[in-house]
Amino acid sequence: MTVAGLAAAREIAKDIKLSHSVFALPFALLGAFVALPAGPIDWRGLLLSALLVVGCMVSARTAAMISNRLLDRGIDARNPRTVSRALPAGRVAVWQVRVALLAASAAFVMLCGLFGVLQNNWWPLALALPVLCWICSYGFFKRFTMLCHVWLGASLAISPVAAAIAVRSAAVFEPGPWLLAGAVMFWVAGFDVLYAMQDVEVDRRDGLHSMPARMGVHRAAWASRVMHVASVLLLIAFWRNVPALCVGVGFAAAVAVAAVVIASEHVLLARGGATGIAKHFTTLNGIVSLALGGAGIASIIAARG
């Protein structure tokens, strides 16, 4: 890769915030552990699956974020908060971002194919393109529906179900992965509504359909609260439906921690507005995902020996 290519890659990576992969990655790994077949854990096979899940998760999220930057480059150029991003600021060219999108998408498809080659599970490859289409289309939805936040939540919620299918395809017929996916969907949708409050005036000016722009900040805040309550209730249902999680109090404690942290986001909103949320966005949501994913995986390992 040339020096210019490396510089463009750095700019793109900075813009899509690779560190934010932490929001969905622990849930993807937890979905993989929930899907483990009965009997002693095959640690060698699990390690291989985990590495492939991590690769798929990061490459899929990278493709989705790059797609969003491409779709929103005109909107970003008119928004004071986002005008300094690489594309609207002219630090990278559109063709370079398109090449990056193709590279991330190809990496995702290739990694999905490795599940077939190495583990004789071809479902990940069969579902790779539909998943890519789903997660890369988020940018379109805020142009015509307030459900764009739920669509984004569903995009991240795919990860635990997809990881479960990759480890054991029959897990798709069990409630565990779906309950976890529902909890992730409402959690992400709820905090995306709060995050969108930074751009209310810009969204109204550009005719975008974020909940804060269409419902008003007060009603949107209540919609976010309802989503977050639904998320916590689904986490409790997930805990009760996966027997390994009921061994000990680790996952139950993690759900309690997540509920407190999520509630703190709404306290920050009440005290400092959307700016207060934005300052602590990564830290708070990172705590939620890492606490739940870590405690869930630890509980399953302890229960399964």
Protein backbone atom coordinates (compact mmCIF):
# COMPACT_ATOMS: atom_id res chain seq x y z
CA MET A 1 0.00 0.00 0.00
CA THR A 2 1.29 3.48 -0.86
CA VAL A 3 1.87 6.24 1.69
CA ALA A 4 -1.24 8.01 0.40
CA GLY A 5 -3.22 4.79 0.74
CA LEU A 6 -2.06 4.32 4.33
CA ALA A 7 -2.99 7.91 5.15
CA ALA A 8 -6.46 7.40 3.67
CA ALA A 9 -6.88 4.16 5.62
CA ARG A 10 -5.99 5.94 8.86
CA GLU A 11 -8.49 8.71 8.16
CA ILE A 12 -11.25 6.21 7.40
CA ALA A 13 -10.46 4.14 10.51
CA LYS A 14 -10.53 7.30 12.64
CA ASP A 15 -13.90 8.31 11.21
CA ILE A 16 -15.63 4.98 11.71
CA LYS A 17 -14.33 4.65 15.30
CA LEU A 18 -13.16 1.05 15.30
CA SER A 19 -13.10 1.17 19.10
CA HIS A 20 -16.91 1.28 19.06
CA SER A 21 -16.87 -2.36 17.95
CA VAL A 22 -16.86 -3.02 21.69
CA PHE A 23 -20.61 -2.30 21.75
CA ALA A 24 -21.58 -5.41 19.80
CA LEU A 25 -18.55 -7.70 20.01
CA PRO A 26 -19.15 -9.02 23.56
CA PHE A 27 -22.73 -9.88 22.61
CA ALA A 28 -21.56 -11.71 19.49
CA LEU A 29 -19.15 -13.79 21.58
CA LEU A 30 -21.86 -14.41 24.19
CA GLY A 31 -24.17 -15.61 21.40
CA ALA A 32 -21.45 -18.06 20.33
CA PHE A 33 -21.10 -19.43 23.87
CA VAL A 34 -24.88 -19.76 24.29
CA ALA A 35 -24.96 -21.92 21.13
CA LEU A 36 -22.28 -24.37 22.27
CA PRO A 37 -23.40 -27.99 21.82
CA ALA A 38 -24.07 -30.15 24.86
CA GLY A 39 -21.19 -32.01 26.46
CA PRO A 40 -17.63 -30.96 27.29
CA ILE A 41 -16.47 -27.74 25.67
CA ASP A 42 -14.29 -28.29 22.59
CA TRP A 43 -11.84 -25.51 23.38
CA ARG A 44 -9.90 -25.81 20.14
CA GLY A 45 -13.05 -25.56 18.03
CA LEU A 46 -14.40 -22.78 20.24
CA LEU A 47 -11.21 -20.74 19.88
CA LEU A 48 -11.38 -21.04 16.11
CA SER A 49 -15.05 -20.05 16.11
CA ALA A 50 -14.36 -17.10 18.41
CA LEU A 51 -11.57 -15.80 16.18
CA LEU A 52 -13.81 -16.05 13.12
CA VAL A 53 -16.70 -14.36 14.98
CA VAL A 54 -14.42 -11.48 15.98
CA GLY A 55 -13.20 -11.11 12.40
CA CYS A 56 -16.73 -11.20 11.01
CA MET A 57 -17.99 -8.73 13.59
CA VAL A 58 -15.25 -6.17 13.02
CA SER A 59 -15.31 -6.43 9.20
CA ALA A 60 -19.13 -6.26 9.06
CA ARG A 61 -19.27 -3.23 11.35
CA THR A 62 -16.50 -1.57 9.35
CA ALA A 63 -18.47 -2.08 6.13
CA ALA A 64 -21.65 -0.73 7.75
CA MET A 65 -19.96 2.39 9.12
CA ILE A 66 -18.16 3.14 5.85
CA SER A 67 -21.46 2.74 3.98
CA ASN A 68 -23.08 5.19 6.39
CA ARG A 69 -20.30 7.73 5.87
CA LEU A 70 -20.73 7.45 2.10
CA LEU A 71 -24.51 7.86 2.24
CA ASP A 72 -24.31 10.76 4.69
CA ARG A 73 -21.41 12.70 3.23
CA GLY A 74 -23.67 15.50 1.97
CA ILE A 75 -25.56 15.71 5.27
CA ASP A 76 -22.29 15.63 7.23
CA ALA A 77 -20.96 18.54 5.19
CA ARG A 78 -23.91 20.69 6.37
CA ASN A 79 -23.69 19.69 10.03
CA PRO A 80 -21.24 21.67 12.23
CA ARG A 81 -20.70 18.58 14.41
CA THR A 82 -19.67 16.34 11.50
CA VAL A 83 -18.23 18.72 8.90
CA SER A 84 -14.69 17.85 9.99
CA ARG A 85 -15.11 14.17 9.09
CA ALA A 86 -12.73 12.89 6.45
CA LEU A 87 -15.11 12.80 3.48
CA PRO A 88 -16.81 16.20 3.85
CA ALA A 89 -13.48 17.78 4.80
CA GLY A 90 -11.86 16.37 1.66
CA ARG A 91 -9.11 14.42 3.41
CA VAL A 92 -10.14 11.26 1.53
CA ALA A 93 -11.72 10.81 -1.88
CA VAL A 94 -15.05 9.09 -2.49
CA TRP A 95 -13.35 6.39 -4.57
CA GLN A 96 -10.98 5.58 -1.70
CA VAL A 97 -13.90 5.12 0.69
CA ARG A 98 -15.66 2.91 -1.85
CA VAL A 99 -12.56 0.74 -2.15
CA ALA A 100 -12.46 0.46 1.65
CA LEU A 101 -16.14 -0.56 1.65
CA LEU A 102 -15.48 -3.27 -0.93
CA ALA A 103 -12.45 -4.51 1.02
CA ALA A 104 -14.35 -4.72 4.32
CA SER A 105 -17.29 -6.45 2.63
CA ALA A 106 -15.02 -8.94 0.87
CA ALA A 107 -13.24 -9.69 4.15
CA PHE A 108 -16.58 -10.36 5.84
CA VAL A 109 -17.75 -12.73 3.08
CA MET A 110 -14.40 -14.53 3.08
CA LEU A 111 -14.48 -15.03 6.85
CA CYS A 112 -18.06 -16.31 6.65
CA GLY A 113 -16.87 -18.78 4.02
CA LEU A 114 -14.18 -20.07 6.39
CA PHE A 115 -16.90 -21.41 8.68
CA GLY A 116 -17.83 -23.71 5.80
CA VAL A 117 -14.30 -24.66 4.87
CA LEU A 118 -13.04 -25.26 8.41
CA GLN A 119 -16.21 -26.32 10.26
CA ASN A 120 -18.52 -27.55 7.50
CA ASN A 121 -21.11 -24.90 8.40
CA TRP A 122 -22.13 -23.05 5.24
CA TRP A 123 -24.96 -21.02 6.79
CA PRO A 124 -22.72 -18.00 7.55
CA LEU A 125 -21.69 -17.78 3.88
CA ALA A 126 -25.29 -18.23 2.68
CA LEU A 127 -26.43 -15.38 4.94
CA ALA A 128 -23.43 -13.08 4.41
CA LEU A 129 -24.86 -10.91 1.60
CA PRO A 130 -28.34 -10.48 3.17
CA VAL A 131 -26.66 -9.43 6.42
CA LEU A 132 -24.43 -6.95 4.60
CA CYS A 133 -27.41 -5.43 2.80
CA TRP A 134 -29.26 -5.07 6.10
CA ILE A 135 -26.49 -3.43 8.10
CA CYS A 136 -25.31 -1.16 5.28
CA SER A 137 -28.77 0.30 4.63
CA TYR A 138 -29.21 2.18 7.92
CA GLY A 139 -28.35 5.52 6.31
CA PHE A 140 -31.38 5.31 4.02
CA PHE A 141 -33.96 4.84 6.75
CA LYS A 142 -33.56 8.13 8.58
CA ARG A 143 -34.61 9.79 5.33
CA PHE A 144 -38.18 8.52 5.63
CA THR A 145 -38.96 6.85 8.99
CA MET A 146 -38.43 7.35 12.73
CA LEU A 147 -37.83 3.61 12.97
CA CYS A 148 -34.28 4.26 11.74
CA HIS A 149 -33.12 3.93 15.36
CA VAL A 150 -34.70 0.49 15.64
CA TRP A 151 -33.13 -0.49 12.30
CA LEU A 152 -29.72 0.45 13.67
CA GLY A 153 -30.46 -1.52 16.83
CA ALA A 154 -31.48 -4.53 14.76
CA SER A 155 -28.25 -4.23 12.77
CA LEU A 156 -26.19 -4.72 15.93
CA ALA A 157 -28.68 -7.26 17.28
CA ILE A 158 -27.93 -9.54 14.34
CA SER A 159 -24.52 -10.27 15.87
CA PRO A 160 -25.48 -12.71 18.68
CA VAL A 161 -27.91 -14.60 16.43
CA ALA A 162 -25.37 -14.76 13.59
CA ALA A 163 -22.64 -15.95 15.96
CA ALA A 164 -24.96 -18.62 17.37
CA ILE A 165 -25.79 -19.88 13.87
CA ALA A 166 -22.08 -19.93 13.01
CA VAL A 167 -21.30 -22.13 16.02
CA ARG A 168 -24.39 -24.39 15.82
CA SER A 169 -27.04 -23.68 13.21
CA ALA A 170 -29.82 -25.39 15.20
CA ALA A 171 -29.43 -22.67 17.88
CA VAL A 172 -31.57 -20.43 15.66
CA PHE A 173 -34.60 -22.39 16.91
CA GLU A 174 -33.82 -21.70 20.58
CA PRO A 175 -35.03 -18.64 22.52
CA GLY A 176 -31.67 -17.63 24.02
CA PRO A 177 -30.02 -15.95 21.00
CA TRP A 178 -33.27 -14.17 20.06
CA LEU A 179 -33.90 -12.82 23.55
CA LEU A 180 -30.34 -11.51 23.66
CA ALA A 181 -30.80 -9.98 20.20
CA GLY A 182 -34.00 -8.25 21.32
CA ALA A 183 -32.23 -6.81 24.36
CA VAL A 184 -29.39 -5.51 22.17
CA MET A 185 -31.82 -4.03 19.64
CA PHE A 186 -33.75 -1.97 22.18
CA TRP A 187 -30.60 -0.98 24.06
CA VAL A 188 -28.92 0.35 20.91
CA ALA A 189 -32.09 1.98 19.57
CA GLY A 190 -32.63 3.71 22.90
CA PHE A 191 -29.16 5.20 23.13
CA ASP A 192 -29.21 6.13 19.43
CA VAL A 193 -32.31 8.24 20.11
CA LEU A 194 -30.41 10.03 22.88
CA TYR A 195 -27.36 10.52 20.67
CA ALA A 196 -29.53 11.97 17.89
CA MET A 197 -30.59 14.79 20.22
CA GLN A 198 -27.33 16.56 19.36
CA ASP A 199 -28.56 17.11 15.79
CA VAL A 200 -32.22 18.04 16.26
CA GLU A 201 -32.07 21.35 14.40
CA VAL A 202 -29.90 19.97 11.59
CA ASP A 203 -32.21 16.96 11.16
CA ARG A 204 -35.26 19.20 10.97
CA ARG A 205 -33.59 21.46 8.45
CA ASP A 206 -32.59 18.52 6.26
CA GLY A 207 -35.93 16.73 6.61
CA LEU A 208 -34.47 13.72 8.41
CA HIS A 209 -36.72 11.49 10.49
CA SER A 210 -34.91 11.05 13.78
CA MET A 211 -37.25 10.69 16.74
CA PRO A 212 -36.00 13.88 18.46
CA ALA A 213 -36.55 15.88 15.25
CA ARG A 214 -40.03 14.47 14.57
CA MET A 215 -41.41 13.88 18.08
CA GLY A 216 -39.60 16.58 19.99
CA VAL A 217 -36.86 16.02 22.54
CA HIS A 218 -39.21 15.38 25.48
CA ARG A 219 -41.25 12.65 23.77
CA ALA A 220 -38.15 11.13 22.21
CA ALA A 221 -36.58 10.87 25.67
CA TRP A 222 -39.63 8.94 26.86
CA ALA A 223 -39.46 6.68 23.80
CA SER A 224 -35.82 5.96 24.68
CA ARG A 225 -36.78 5.14 28.27
CA VAL A 226 -39.43 2.68 27.09
CA MET A 227 -36.89 1.00 24.80
CA HIS A 228 -34.37 0.72 27.60
CA VAL A 229 -36.92 -0.77 30.00
CA ALA A 230 -37.78 -3.31 27.28
CA SER A 231 -34.06 -4.08 26.91
CA VAL A 232 -33.62 -4.80 30.62
CA LEU A 233 -36.75 -6.98 30.69
CA LEU A 234 -35.45 -8.98 27.72
CA LEU A 235 -32.08 -9.40 29.47
CA ILE A 236 -33.91 -10.86 32.47
CA ALA A 237 -35.85 -13.21 30.16
CA PHE A 238 -32.58 -14.21 28.47
CA TRP A 239 -31.02 -14.95 31.87
CA ARG A 240 -33.99 -17.12 32.88
CA ASN A 241 -34.02 -19.04 29.56
CA VAL A 242 -30.34 -20.02 29.48
CA PRO A 243 -29.80 -22.46 32.37
CA ALA A 244 -26.03 -21.95 32.46
CA LEU A 245 -26.52 -18.26 33.27
CA CYS A 246 -28.57 -19.11 36.36
CA VAL A 247 -25.60 -20.82 38.00
CA GLY A 248 -24.28 -18.29 40.50
CA VAL A 249 -25.16 -14.61 40.56
CA GLY A 250 -22.64 -13.27 38.04
CA PHE A 251 -24.94 -12.59 35.12
CA ALA A 252 -27.79 -11.37 37.33
CA ALA A 253 -25.37 -8.86 38.88
CA ALA A 254 -24.25 -7.78 35.40
CA VAL A 255 -27.89 -7.15 34.40
CA ALA A 256 -28.29 -5.01 37.53
CA VAL A 257 -25.12 -3.06 36.66
CA ALA A 258 -26.34 -2.58 33.08
CA ALA A 259 -29.70 -1.29 34.32
CA VAL A 260 -27.99 1.24 36.61
CA VAL A 261 -25.62 2.42 33.86
CA ILE A 262 -28.47 2.76 31.35
CA ALA A 263 -30.49 4.73 33.91
CA SER A 264 -27.48 7.02 34.44
CA GLU A 265 -27.63 7.99 30.75
CA HIS A 266 -31.10 9.38 31.32
CA VAL A 267 -29.94 11.19 34.45
CA LEU A 268 -27.11 12.77 32.44
CA LEU A 269 -29.63 13.80 29.78
CA ALA A 270 -31.85 15.45 32.39
CA ARG A 271 -28.93 17.31 33.94
CA GLY A 272 -26.74 18.23 30.99
CA GLY A 273 -28.76 17.63 27.83
CA ALA A 274 -27.49 15.77 24.79
CA THR A 275 -23.97 17.17 25.25
CA GLY A 276 -23.69 15.39 28.59
CA ILE A 277 -24.64 12.10 26.93
CA ALA A 278 -22.15 12.54 24.09
CA LYS A 279 -19.23 13.06 26.48
CA HIS A 280 -19.82 9.74 28.20
CA PHE A 281 -21.33 7.79 25.28
CA THR A 282 -18.47 5.36 24.66
CA THR A 283 -17.64 4.75 28.33
CA LEU A 284 -21.18 4.06 29.53
CA ASN A 285 -22.22 1.82 26.67
CA GLY A 286 -18.87 0.04 26.74
CA ILE A 287 -19.48 -0.80 30.42
CA VAL A 288 -22.91 -2.26 29.55
CA SER A 289 -21.63 -4.53 26.77
CA LEU A 290 -18.44 -5.64 28.52
CA ALA A 291 -20.22 -6.34 31.81
CA LEU A 292 -22.96 -8.41 30.20
CA GLY A 293 -20.74 -10.20 27.70
CA GLY A 294 -17.99 -10.94 30.22
CA ALA A 295 -20.32 -12.10 32.98
CA GLY A 296 -22.36 -14.22 30.58
CA ILE A 297 -19.34 -15.98 29.11
CA ALA A 298 -17.81 -16.51 32.57
CA SER A 299 -21.09 -17.98 33.84
CA ILE A 300 -21.34 -20.42 30.93
CA ILE A 301 -17.73 -21.56 31.34
CA ALA A 302 -18.26 -22.06 35.08
CA ALA A 303 -21.47 -24.01 34.52
CA ARG A 304 -20.07 -26.16 31.74
CA GLY A 305 -16.73 -26.77 33.39
